Amino acid sequence: MSRKPRIRSGSGVTMHDVARAAGVSAITVSRVLNQPQQVSPQLREKVMQAVDALAYVPSRSARTLASARSRTVLVLIPSLDNTVFLDTLAGIESVLDAAGYQMLIGNSHYDSEQELQLLRAYLQHQPDGVLLTGLTHAAPFEDILRRRALPAVYMMDLADDGRCCVGFSQENAGAAITRHLLESGKRRIGFLGAQLDERVLKRLDGYRAALEEAGCRDAGLEWLDPSPSSMRMGAAMLEAALTARPDCDALFCCNDDLAIGALARCQQLGIAVPERLAIAGFNDLQPAAWCTPSLTTVATPRRAIGSHAARQLLRLIAGEAPEAAQTDLGFKLMLRRSS
């Protein structure tokens, strides 16, 4: 009778060795390691004690061959410095970890070509699916996903082309905060934009649309810089804006970093906020509520986007239809003292 080949870890200890030490079958050991939710806590503890005692390290390549799945998900984000994406990763991890999946994280630094290189590199690890930030990617990106039949969910925005996405309308959010500034009596509303990724530009589109509706749009009130965003940049842009257009009576900043920097510089210059100049941000980062004055901004459901997107992807990986092709989690205006 032929024997099944032993699956060896890097230390030379096999799954069968662990099974013998724990007094269970190799199948039970595999289930404990790959589907722990299907095993009783007592049995899990017994097997894991043997795993630890023998210093057993499962072979990922062997496990992938045996199950036809790697139980990994590739997550591509544009920044590891931005709290927005760290919150999203936390939401993703909460779902994947409970399902026995691990994340492969790729940081594209807002560069579509680098994102494409990351996809090609991580495909060597045979991820079961991909979570992507935004809707716009380098030309070969979609072709690669399609040729490999790799399930994908797009985060942070909404598409109407059938792609599975979880997010909210960046344009509607930009328009909503601009309408708030209009309703507060402001008419010469400027826009401070940095990084200029697709989501910032969609907020800009919403800002322009709201001003067009009100008959107040003025292209001379837009200040755009493709450099990475920072509070220092917000302070500098505030000075440049008021020097160029001293009649500006409100600023919609594309994110809270710029807005907090602008607020701080207003304090230094003795500019009354919101009486002389109203300021609004975007994302509702934790410091926004603690500024002086507290910052009006747009709360975005970052963690919920991550967890919802992960659940949708797991459905696709399992061969099930997503709950919806488009999941709109909305946004909320946080109206505070800066406006």
Protein backbone atom coordinates (compact mmCIF):
# COMPACT_ATOMS: atom_id res chain seq x y z
CA MET A 1 0.00 0.00 0.00
CA SER A 2 1.42 3.35 -1.02
CA ARG A 3 2.01 5.91 1.66
CA LYS A 4 1.00 9.54 1.37
CA PRO A 5 3.97 11.89 1.15
CA ARG A 6 4.72 13.69 4.36
CA ILE A 7 4.36 17.44 4.44
CA ARG A 8 7.48 18.84 6.02
CA SER A 9 8.13 22.17 7.68
CA GLY A 10 11.43 24.00 7.38
CA SER A 11 12.66 22.35 10.60
CA GLY A 12 12.07 18.82 9.29
CA VAL A 13 9.11 18.21 11.60
CA THR A 14 6.10 16.87 9.70
CA MET A 15 2.39 17.20 10.22
CA HIS A 16 2.35 13.46 10.96
CA ASP A 17 4.88 14.03 13.75
CA VAL A 18 2.54 16.60 15.29
CA ALA A 19 -0.41 14.21 14.90
CA ARG A 20 1.45 11.43 16.72
CA ALA A 21 2.50 13.77 19.53
CA ALA A 22 -1.04 15.01 19.98
CA GLY A 23 -2.64 11.57 19.59
CA VAL A 24 -4.85 12.68 16.69
CA SER A 25 -4.96 12.21 12.92
CA ALA A 26 -3.02 14.36 10.45
CA ILE A 27 -6.37 15.51 9.07
CA THR A 28 -7.29 16.86 12.50
CA VAL A 29 -3.98 18.74 12.71
CA SER A 30 -4.64 20.23 9.28
CA ARG A 31 -8.12 21.29 10.33
CA VAL A 32 -6.82 22.93 13.51
CA LEU A 33 -4.26 24.92 11.49
CA ASN A 34 -6.47 25.84 8.54
CA GLN A 35 -10.06 25.81 9.83
CA PRO A 36 -9.79 26.26 13.62
CA GLN A 37 -13.42 27.34 13.90
CA GLN A 38 -14.47 23.77 13.03
CA VAL A 39 -12.56 22.23 15.95
CA SER A 40 -13.40 22.27 19.66
CA PRO A 41 -11.30 24.56 21.89
CA GLN A 42 -10.00 21.56 23.84
CA LEU A 43 -8.80 19.79 20.70
CA ARG A 44 -7.28 23.00 19.35
CA GLU A 45 -5.31 23.47 22.55
CA LYS A 46 -4.08 19.85 22.49
CA VAL A 47 -2.85 20.13 18.90
CA MET A 48 -1.28 23.57 19.36
CA GLN A 49 0.64 22.32 22.39
CA ALA A 50 2.18 19.65 20.15
CA VAL A 51 2.85 22.24 17.43
CA ASP A 52 4.67 24.45 19.93
CA ALA A 53 6.55 21.60 21.56
CA LEU A 54 7.89 20.38 18.20
CA ALA A 55 8.40 23.91 16.79
CA TYR A 56 6.36 22.84 13.76
CA VAL A 57 6.08 25.39 10.94
CA PRO A 58 3.47 24.53 8.28
CA SER A 59 4.60 24.64 4.67
CA ARG A 60 2.52 27.27 2.89
CA SER A 61 3.38 25.89 -0.55
CA ALA A 62 2.27 22.40 0.42
CA ARG A 63 -0.90 23.70 2.00
CA THR A 64 -1.69 25.68 -1.15
CA LEU A 65 -1.21 22.60 -3.33
CA ALA A 66 -3.40 20.50 -1.07
CA SER A 67 -6.29 22.95 -0.87
CA ALA A 68 -5.91 24.86 -4.15
CA ARG A 69 -6.03 28.01 -1.98
CA SER A 70 -3.34 30.05 -0.30
CA ARG A 71 -5.73 31.59 2.25
CA THR A 72 -4.10 34.94 1.60
CA VAL A 73 -5.58 38.16 0.26
CA LEU A 74 -3.58 40.87 -1.45
CA VAL A 75 -4.48 44.36 -0.20
CA LEU A 76 -3.16 47.27 -2.26
CA ILE A 77 -3.24 50.69 -0.62
CA PRO A 78 -1.58 53.99 -1.62
CA SER A 79 -0.03 54.87 1.76
CA LEU A 80 0.98 53.41 5.10
CA ASP A 81 1.44 56.90 6.58
CA ASN A 82 -2.20 57.92 6.15
CA THR A 83 -4.53 57.10 9.05
CA VAL A 84 -7.37 56.65 6.56
CA PHE A 85 -5.79 53.51 5.12
CA LEU A 86 -4.57 52.19 8.46
CA ASP A 87 -8.19 52.29 9.66
CA THR A 88 -9.25 50.48 6.50
CA LEU A 89 -6.61 47.79 7.07
CA ALA A 90 -7.90 47.30 10.61
CA GLY A 91 -11.39 46.63 9.26
CA ILE A 92 -10.05 44.18 6.69
CA GLU A 93 -7.95 42.32 9.24
CA SER A 94 -10.87 41.90 11.64
CA VAL A 95 -12.77 39.91 9.00
CA LEU A 96 -9.92 38.00 7.34
CA ASP A 97 -8.36 36.94 10.62
CA ALA A 98 -11.64 35.45 11.84
CA ALA A 99 -11.93 33.53 8.55
CA GLY A 100 -8.38 32.14 8.75
CA TYR A 101 -6.97 34.40 6.04
CA GLN A 102 -3.85 36.55 6.08
CA MET A 103 -3.16 39.87 4.36
CA LEU A 104 -0.38 40.55 1.88
CA ILE A 105 -0.07 44.36 2.02
CA GLY A 106 1.30 46.37 -0.89
CA ASN A 107 1.97 50.12 -0.59
CA SER A 108 1.88 51.83 -4.00
CA HIS A 109 2.80 55.33 -2.76
CA TYR A 110 0.05 56.72 -5.03
CA ASP A 111 1.93 55.43 -8.08
CA SER A 112 -0.11 53.34 -10.54
CA GLU A 113 2.98 51.78 -12.13
CA GLN A 114 4.32 50.75 -8.73
CA GLU A 115 0.90 49.32 -7.90
CA LEU A 116 1.08 47.22 -11.08
CA GLN A 117 4.56 45.98 -10.13
CA LEU A 118 3.28 45.04 -6.68
CA LEU A 119 0.42 43.04 -8.21
CA ARG A 120 2.81 41.13 -10.46
CA ALA A 121 5.22 40.45 -7.59
CA TYR A 122 2.57 39.28 -5.13
CA LEU A 123 0.93 37.00 -7.68
CA GLN A 124 3.86 34.66 -7.01
CA HIS A 125 2.25 34.05 -3.60
CA GLN A 126 -0.99 32.98 -5.33
CA PRO A 127 -3.42 35.18 -3.36
CA ASP A 128 -7.03 34.02 -3.43
CA GLY A 129 -8.31 37.54 -4.08
CA VAL A 130 -7.43 41.23 -4.18
CA LEU A 131 -8.70 44.30 -2.34
CA LEU A 132 -7.93 47.50 -4.27
CA THR A 133 -8.05 51.17 -3.35
CA GLY A 134 -9.89 53.34 -5.85
CA LEU A 135 -11.18 52.62 -9.33
CA THR A 136 -8.41 53.85 -11.64
CA HIS A 137 -5.38 51.62 -12.23
CA ALA A 138 -2.65 51.12 -14.83
CA ALA A 139 -3.86 49.72 -18.17
CA PRO A 140 -2.72 46.05 -17.78
CA PHE A 141 -4.12 45.79 -14.26
CA GLU A 142 -7.67 44.76 -15.12
CA ASP A 143 -6.43 42.39 -17.84
CA ILE A 144 -4.24 40.55 -15.33
CA LEU A 145 -7.15 40.14 -12.90
CA ARG A 146 -9.41 38.92 -15.69
CA ARG A 147 -6.92 36.43 -17.18
CA ARG A 148 -6.26 34.90 -13.77
CA ALA A 149 -9.95 34.98 -12.81
CA LEU A 150 -8.84 36.61 -9.57
CA PRO A 151 -11.73 37.90 -7.42
CA ALA A 152 -11.39 41.62 -6.66
CA VAL A 153 -13.24 44.22 -4.61
CA TYR A 154 -12.64 47.95 -5.05
CA MET A 155 -12.67 50.20 -1.99
CA MET A 156 -13.27 53.89 -1.18
CA ASP A 157 -15.40 54.72 -4.21
CA LEU A 158 -18.39 53.57 -6.23
CA ALA A 159 -18.48 52.25 -9.80
CA ASP A 160 -21.47 51.70 -12.08
CA ASP A 161 -19.73 49.29 -14.46
CA GLY A 162 -20.45 46.05 -12.61
CA ARG A 163 -17.23 45.88 -10.60
CA CYS A 164 -17.73 44.92 -6.97
CA CYS A 165 -17.02 48.01 -4.88
CA VAL A 166 -17.51 49.26 -1.32
CA GLY A 167 -17.29 52.93 -0.44
CA PHE A 168 -19.14 56.19 -0.87
CA SER A 169 -19.50 58.95 -3.46
CA GLN A 170 -16.49 61.24 -3.21
CA GLU A 171 -18.25 63.76 -5.48
CA ASN A 172 -21.39 63.86 -3.34
CA ALA A 173 -19.32 64.32 -0.20
CA GLY A 174 -17.39 67.20 -1.75
CA ALA A 175 -20.61 68.82 -2.89
CA ALA A 176 -22.29 68.36 0.52
CA ILE A 177 -19.57 70.10 2.53
CA THR A 178 -19.44 72.93 -0.03
CA ARG A 179 -23.23 73.42 0.21
CA HIS A 180 -22.87 73.64 3.98
CA LEU A 181 -20.38 76.49 3.58
CA LEU A 182 -22.77 78.20 1.15
CA GLU A 183 -25.67 77.79 3.58
CA SER A 184 -23.56 79.41 6.31
CA GLY A 185 -23.43 82.56 4.20
CA LYS A 186 -20.05 82.14 2.52
CA ARG A 187 -19.77 82.95 -1.18
CA ARG A 188 -16.06 83.09 -2.08
CA ILE A 189 -15.18 79.53 -1.12
CA GLY A 190 -11.70 78.30 -1.96
CA PHE A 191 -10.41 74.73 -2.38
CA LEU A 192 -7.05 73.52 -1.07
CA GLY A 193 -5.99 70.23 -2.67
CA ALA A 194 -2.85 68.13 -2.21
CA GLN A 195 -1.65 64.73 -3.49
CA LEU A 196 -4.32 65.03 -6.23
CA ASP A 197 -5.19 61.34 -6.39
CA GLU A 198 -8.48 60.32 -7.99
CA ARG A 199 -10.45 60.70 -4.75
CA VAL A 200 -9.23 64.25 -4.15
CA LEU A 201 -10.09 65.19 -7.72
CA LYS A 202 -13.60 63.79 -7.32
CA ARG A 203 -14.08 65.90 -4.17
CA LEU A 204 -12.94 68.84 -6.27
CA ASP A 205 -15.55 67.94 -8.88
CA GLY A 206 -18.24 67.92 -6.18
CA TYR A 207 -17.04 71.30 -4.87
CA ARG A 208 -17.20 72.78 -8.37
CA ALA A 209 -20.66 71.35 -9.04
CA ALA A 210 -22.08 72.84 -5.83
CA LEU A 211 -20.62 76.26 -6.61
CA GLU A 212 -21.90 76.09 -10.20
CA GLU A 213 -25.40 75.44 -8.87
CA ALA A 214 -25.12 78.48 -6.61
CA GLY A 215 -23.61 80.68 -9.33
CA CYS A 216 -20.48 81.19 -7.20
CA ARG A 217 -17.76 79.23 -8.92
CA ASP A 218 -14.46 81.09 -9.32
CA ALA A 219 -11.51 79.15 -10.79
CA GLY A 220 -9.16 81.64 -9.15
CA LEU A 221 -10.10 80.22 -5.74
CA GLU A 222 -8.57 76.79 -6.35
CA TRP A 223 -5.09 75.94 -5.07
CA LEU A 224 -3.79 72.52 -6.11
CA ASP A 225 -0.45 70.88 -5.30
CA PRO A 226 0.43 67.28 -6.30
CA SER A 227 2.92 66.99 -3.41
CA PRO A 228 2.09 64.74 -0.44
CA SER A 229 -0.27 66.37 2.02
CA SER A 230 0.79 67.63 5.45
CA MET A 231 -0.23 70.13 8.10
CA ARG A 232 2.81 72.22 7.17
CA MET A 233 1.52 72.36 3.60
CA GLY A 234 -1.92 73.42 4.86
CA ALA A 235 -0.39 76.35 6.73
CA ALA A 236 1.62 77.43 3.68
CA MET A 237 -1.34 77.08 1.33
CA LEU A 238 -3.51 79.16 3.68
CA GLU A 239 -1.05 82.05 3.48
CA ALA A 240 -0.70 81.74 -0.29
CA ALA A 241 -4.48 81.66 -0.74
CA LEU A 242 -5.17 84.75 1.34
CA THR A 243 -2.28 86.63 -0.24
CA ALA A 244 -3.62 85.89 -3.73
CA ARG A 245 -7.30 86.32 -2.84
CA PRO A 246 -7.83 88.33 0.35
CA ASP A 247 -11.57 88.29 -0.44
CA CYS A 248 -11.75 84.49 0.13
CA ASP A 249 -14.20 83.87 2.99
CA ALA A 250 -14.09 80.06 3.29
CA LEU A 251 -11.80 77.13 2.48
CA PHE A 252 -12.70 73.53 1.79
CA CYS A 253 -9.51 71.53 2.37
CA CYS A 254 -9.31 68.16 0.65
CA ASN A 255 -8.32 66.47 3.93
CA ASP A 256 -8.00 67.16 7.63
CA ASP A 257 -4.19 67.49 7.55
CA LEU A 258 -4.42 70.55 5.33
CA ALA A 259 -7.35 71.94 7.30
CA ILE A 260 -5.62 71.56 10.69
CA GLY A 261 -2.51 73.27 9.33
CA ALA A 262 -4.62 76.10 7.93
CA LEU A 263 -6.42 76.50 11.27
CA ALA A 264 -3.13 76.69 13.15
CA ARG A 265 -1.79 79.37 10.80
CA CYS A 266 -5.01 81.38 11.20
CA GLN A 267 -4.44 81.39 14.95
CA GLN A 268 -0.85 82.57 14.45
CA LEU A 269 -1.97 85.36 12.11
CA GLY A 270 -4.93 86.44 14.24
CA ILE A 271 -7.50 85.48 11.58
CA ALA A 272 -10.91 84.89 13.14
CA VAL A 273 -12.40 81.49 12.30
CA PRO A 274 -15.15 81.20 11.19
CA GLU A 275 -16.11 84.92 11.25
CA ARG A 276 -13.42 86.07 8.80
CA LEU A 277 -12.67 82.68 7.25
CA ALA A 278 -14.55 79.40 7.60
CA ILE A 279 -12.53 76.20 7.24
CA ALA A 280 -13.67 72.65 6.50
CA GLY A 281 -11.71 69.44 6.11
CA PHE A 282 -12.35 65.86 5.06
CA ASN A 283 -12.15 62.42 6.77
CA ASP A 284 -12.81 63.38 10.42
CA LEU A 285 -9.49 62.24 11.79
CA GLN A 286 -9.26 62.12 15.58
CA PRO A 287 -7.58 65.56 16.02
CA ALA A 288 -10.40 67.31 14.13
CA ALA A 289 -12.70 67.44 17.16
CA TRP A 290 -9.88 68.75 19.38
CA CYS A 291 -8.72 71.70 17.30
CA THR A 292 -9.37 75.28 18.36
CA PRO A 293 -11.91 75.92 17.03
CA SER A 294 -13.07 72.35 16.43
CA LEU A 295 -12.95 71.42 12.75
CA THR A 296 -15.97 70.99 10.51
CA THR A 297 -15.26 67.97 8.31
CA VAL A 298 -16.70 64.92 6.55
CA ALA A 299 -16.70 61.63 8.48
CA THR A 300 -15.85 58.70 6.21
CA PRO A 301 -16.56 55.05 7.18
CA ARG A 302 -13.01 53.82 6.68
CA ARG A 303 -13.00 50.80 8.99
CA ALA A 304 -16.47 49.74 7.84
CA ILE A 305 -15.33 49.96 4.22
CA GLY A 306 -12.48 47.56 5.02
CA SER A 307 -14.65 45.04 6.84
CA HIS A 308 -17.47 45.13 4.27
CA ALA A 309 -15.02 44.80 1.38
CA ALA A 310 -13.32 41.82 3.04
CA ARG A 311 -16.66 40.06 3.55
CA GLN A 312 -17.62 40.67 -0.08
CA LEU A 313 -14.28 39.30 -1.26
CA LEU A 314 -14.65 36.14 0.83
CA ARG A 315 -18.02 35.54 -0.84
CA LEU A 316 -16.43 35.90 -4.28
CA ILE A 317 -13.58 33.55 -3.31
CA ALA A 318 -16.15 30.98 -2.19
CA GLY A 319 -17.85 31.21 -5.60
CA GLU A 320 -20.87 33.08 -4.23
CA ALA A 321 -22.41 36.26 -5.60
CA PRO A 322 -21.64 39.44 -3.64
CA GLU A 323 -24.40 40.87 -1.50
CA ALA A 324 -24.43 43.81 -3.93
CA ALA A 325 -22.22 44.92 -6.80
CA GLN A 326 -22.11 48.37 -5.24
CA THR A 327 -22.18 48.96 -1.48
CA ASP A 328 -22.62 52.63 -0.59
CA LEU A 329 -21.77 53.17 3.07
CA GLY A 330 -22.31 56.93 2.84
CA PHE A 331 -20.65 59.76 4.75
CA LYS A 332 -21.61 62.22 7.48
CA LEU A 333 -21.06 65.95 7.83
CA MET A 334 -19.49 66.79 11.18
CA LEU A 335 -20.51 70.41 11.67
CA ARG A 336 -18.30 72.07 14.25
CA ARG A 337 -17.13 75.54 15.21
CA SER A 338 -14.72 76.19 12.32
CA SER A 339 -17.67 76.89 10.01
